[in-house]
C-alpha atoms as a PDB file:
ATOM      1  CA  MET A   1      12.275   7.387   7.389  1.00  0.00           C
ATOM      2  CA  THR A   2      15.969   8.189   7.906  1.00  0.00           C
ATOM      3  CA  GLU A   3      18.215   6.151  10.527  1.00  0.00           C
ATOM      4  CA  ALA A   4      18.034   9.801  12.646  1.00  0.00           C
ATOM      5  CA  GLU A   5      14.710  10.119  12.565  1.00  0.00           C
ATOM      6  CA  PHE A   6      14.363   6.565  13.390  1.00  0.00           C
ATOM      7  CA  GLU A   7      16.850   6.890  16.390  1.00  0.00           C
ATOM      8  CA  ALA A   8      14.734   9.937  17.500  1.00  0.00           C
ATOM      9  CA  MET A   9      11.355   8.495  17.922  1.00  0.00           C
ATOM     10  CA  THR A  10       9.906   7.577  21.010  1.00  0.00           C
ATOM     11  CA  PRO A  11       8.761   4.018  21.744  1.00  0.00           C
ATOM     12  CA  HIS A  12       4.806   5.309  21.867  1.00  0.00           C
ATOM     13  CA  ARG A  13       5.573   6.777  18.113  1.00  0.00           C
ATOM     14  CA  TYR A  14       7.147   4.031  17.101  1.00  0.00           C
ATOM     15  CA  TYR A  15       4.438   1.330  17.900  1.00  0.00           C
ATOM     16  CA  LEU A  16       1.783   4.223  16.853  1.00  0.00           C
ATOM     17  CA  ALA A  17       3.466   3.932  13.011  1.00  0.00           C
ATOM     18  CA  LEU A  18       4.035   0.234  13.268  1.00  0.00           C
ATOM     19  CA  ARG A  19      -0.073  -0.012  14.279  1.00  0.00           C
ATOM     20  CA  PHE A  20      -0.765   2.368  10.986  1.00  0.00           C
ATOM     21  CA  PHE A  21       1.677   0.642   8.859  1.00  0.00           C
ATOM     22  CA  ASN A  22      -0.344  -2.592   9.576  1.00  0.00           C
ATOM     23  CA  ARG A  23      -3.736  -1.250   9.384  1.00  0.00           C
ATOM     24  CA  ALA A  24      -2.710   0.020   5.822  1.00  0.00           C
ATOM     25  CA  LYS A  25      -1.078  -3.409   5.140  1.00  0.00           C
ATOM     26  CA  GLU A  26      -4.522  -5.027   6.600  1.00  0.00           C
ATOM     27  CA  GLU A  27      -6.822  -2.649   4.276  1.00  0.00           C
ATOM     28  CA  GLU A  28      -4.764  -3.968   0.800  1.00  0.00           C
ATOM     29  CA  ARG A  29      -4.936  -7.600   2.052  1.00  0.00           C
ATOM     30  CA  ARG A  30      -8.730  -7.599   2.662  1.00  0.00           C
ATOM     31  CA  HIS A  31      -9.288  -5.553  -0.527  1.00  0.00           C
ATOM     32  CA  SER A  32      -7.343  -7.962  -2.674  1.00  0.00           C
ATOM     33  CA  VAL A  33      -9.786 -10.874  -1.104  1.00  0.00           C
ATOM     34  CA  GLU A  34     -12.827  -9.188  -1.897  1.00  0.00           C
ATOM     35  CA  MET A  35     -11.872  -8.841  -5.544  1.00  0.00           C
ATOM     36  CA  THR A  36     -10.616 -12.453  -5.455  1.00  0.00           C
ATOM     37  CA  ARG A  37     -14.052 -13.318  -3.904  1.00  0.00           C
ATOM     38  CA  VAL A  38     -16.030 -11.271  -6.790  1.00  0.00           C
ATOM     39  CA  ILE A  39     -14.228 -13.065  -9.331  1.00  0.00           C
ATOM     40  CA  VAL A  40     -14.334 -16.615  -7.987  1.00  0.00           C
ATOM     41  CA  THR A  41     -18.417 -15.912  -7.453  1.00  0.00           C
ATOM     42  CA  THR A  42     -19.027 -14.230 -10.821  1.00  0.00           C
ATOM     43  CA  TYR A  43     -17.061 -17.531 -12.289  1.00  0.00           C
ATOM     44  CA  ALA A  44     -19.094 -19.975  -9.970  1.00  0.00           C
ATOM     45  CA  ASN A  45     -22.289 -18.739 -10.575  1.00  0.00           C
ATOM     46  CA  THR A  46     -21.834 -18.589 -14.628  1.00  0.00           C
ATOM     47  CA  TYR A  47     -22.193 -22.570 -14.310  1.00  0.00           C
ATOM     48  CA  ALA A  48     -24.204 -22.806 -11.088  1.00  0.00           C
ATOM     49  CA  LYS A  49     -27.684 -24.190 -11.173  1.00  0.00           C
ATOM     50  CA  ASN A  50     -28.362 -22.457  -7.905  1.00  0.00           C
ATOM     51  CA  PRO A  51     -26.448 -19.304  -7.897  1.00  0.00           C
ATOM     52  CA  LYS A  52     -25.171 -17.956  -4.633  1.00  0.00           C
ATOM     53  CA  THR A  53     -24.138 -15.090  -3.078  1.00  0.00           C
ATOM     54  CA  SER A  54     -20.108 -14.338  -2.411  1.00  0.00           C
ATOM     55  CA  HIS A  55     -20.847 -14.193   1.210  1.00  0.00           C
ATOM     56  CA  GLN A  56     -22.302 -17.586   1.080  1.00  0.00           C
ATOM     57  CA  LEU A  57     -20.448 -19.023  -1.375  1.00  0.00           C
ATOM     58  CA  TRP A  58     -16.985 -17.772   0.234  1.00  0.00           C
ATOM     59  CA  PRO A  59     -17.677 -16.438   3.612  1.00  0.00           C
ATOM     60  CA  LEU A  60     -14.763 -14.386   5.055  1.00  0.00           C
ATOM     61  CA  PRO A  61     -13.942 -13.399   9.035  1.00  0.00           C
ATOM     62  CA  TRP A  62     -14.491  -9.429   8.750  1.00  0.00           C
ATOM     63  CA  ASP A  63     -17.976 -10.128   7.113  1.00  0.00           C
ATOM     64  CA  ARG A  64     -19.683 -10.598  10.590  1.00  0.00           C
ATOM     65  CA  GLU A  65     -18.030  -6.802  11.327  1.00  0.00           C
ATOM     66  CA  HIS A  66     -20.583  -5.010   9.226  1.00  0.00           C
ATOM     67  CA  GLU A  67     -24.241  -4.421  10.139  1.00  0.00           C
ATOM     68  CA  ASN A  68     -26.614  -6.748   9.620  1.00  0.00           C
ATOM     69  CA  ASN A  69     -24.252  -9.201   7.592  1.00  0.00           C
ATOM     70  CA  GLN A  70     -24.655  -6.479   4.737  1.00  0.00           C
ATOM     71  CA  PRO A  71     -21.791  -7.088   2.038  1.00  0.00           C
ATOM     72  CA  LEU A  72     -19.201  -4.707   1.332  1.00  0.00           C
ATOM     73  CA  LEU A  73     -20.501  -4.646  -2.661  1.00  0.00           C
ATOM     74  CA  GLN A  74     -23.974  -5.676  -3.618  1.00  0.00           C
ATOM     75  CA  GLU A  75     -24.214  -8.709  -6.109  1.00  0.00           C
ATOM     76  CA  GLY A  76     -24.723  -6.172  -9.328  1.00  0.00           C
ATOM     77  CA  GLU A  77     -21.884  -4.284  -8.288  1.00  0.00           C
ATOM     78  CA  MET A  78     -19.518  -7.204  -7.892  1.00  0.00           C
ATOM     79  CA  THR A  79     -20.329  -8.309 -11.494  1.00  0.00           C
ATOM     80  CA  LYS A  80     -19.609  -4.879 -12.987  1.00  0.00           C
ATOM     81  CA  ILE A  81     -16.012  -4.806 -10.988  1.00  0.00           C
ATOM     82  CA  ALA A  82     -15.530  -8.338 -12.089  1.00  0.00           C
ATOM     83  CA  THR A  83     -16.306  -7.899 -15.968  1.00  0.00           C
ATOM     84  CA  ARG A  84     -13.999  -4.592 -15.933  1.00  0.00           C
ATOM     85  CA  ILE A  85     -11.177  -6.779 -14.581  1.00  0.00           C
ATOM     86  CA  TRP A  86     -11.576  -9.526 -16.979  1.00  0.00           C
ATOM     87  CA  GLN A  87     -11.778  -6.604 -20.031  1.00  0.00           C
ATOM     88  CA  LYS A  88      -8.521  -5.618 -18.972  1.00  0.00           C
ATOM     89  CA  ASP A  89      -6.719  -8.836 -19.793  1.00  0.00           C
END
């Protein structure tokens, strides 16, 4: 955005743009935390006698937002993702 575009912007458009920017940043943060949770759960369950799901091991505030507390990813999918991440190193 140029300085001229910013100066021409109405307060409504400014706050709307700010809202969408913040929403995009929040989605990036959630994705990073979810991927961290996948890795932590996979690592912890490797050595655990009683493995737990990622939502039991590390509950997050937005888990309650989903219907019937259904996880964003199923446990098998999380293991596949964690394996792919570890193989990249």
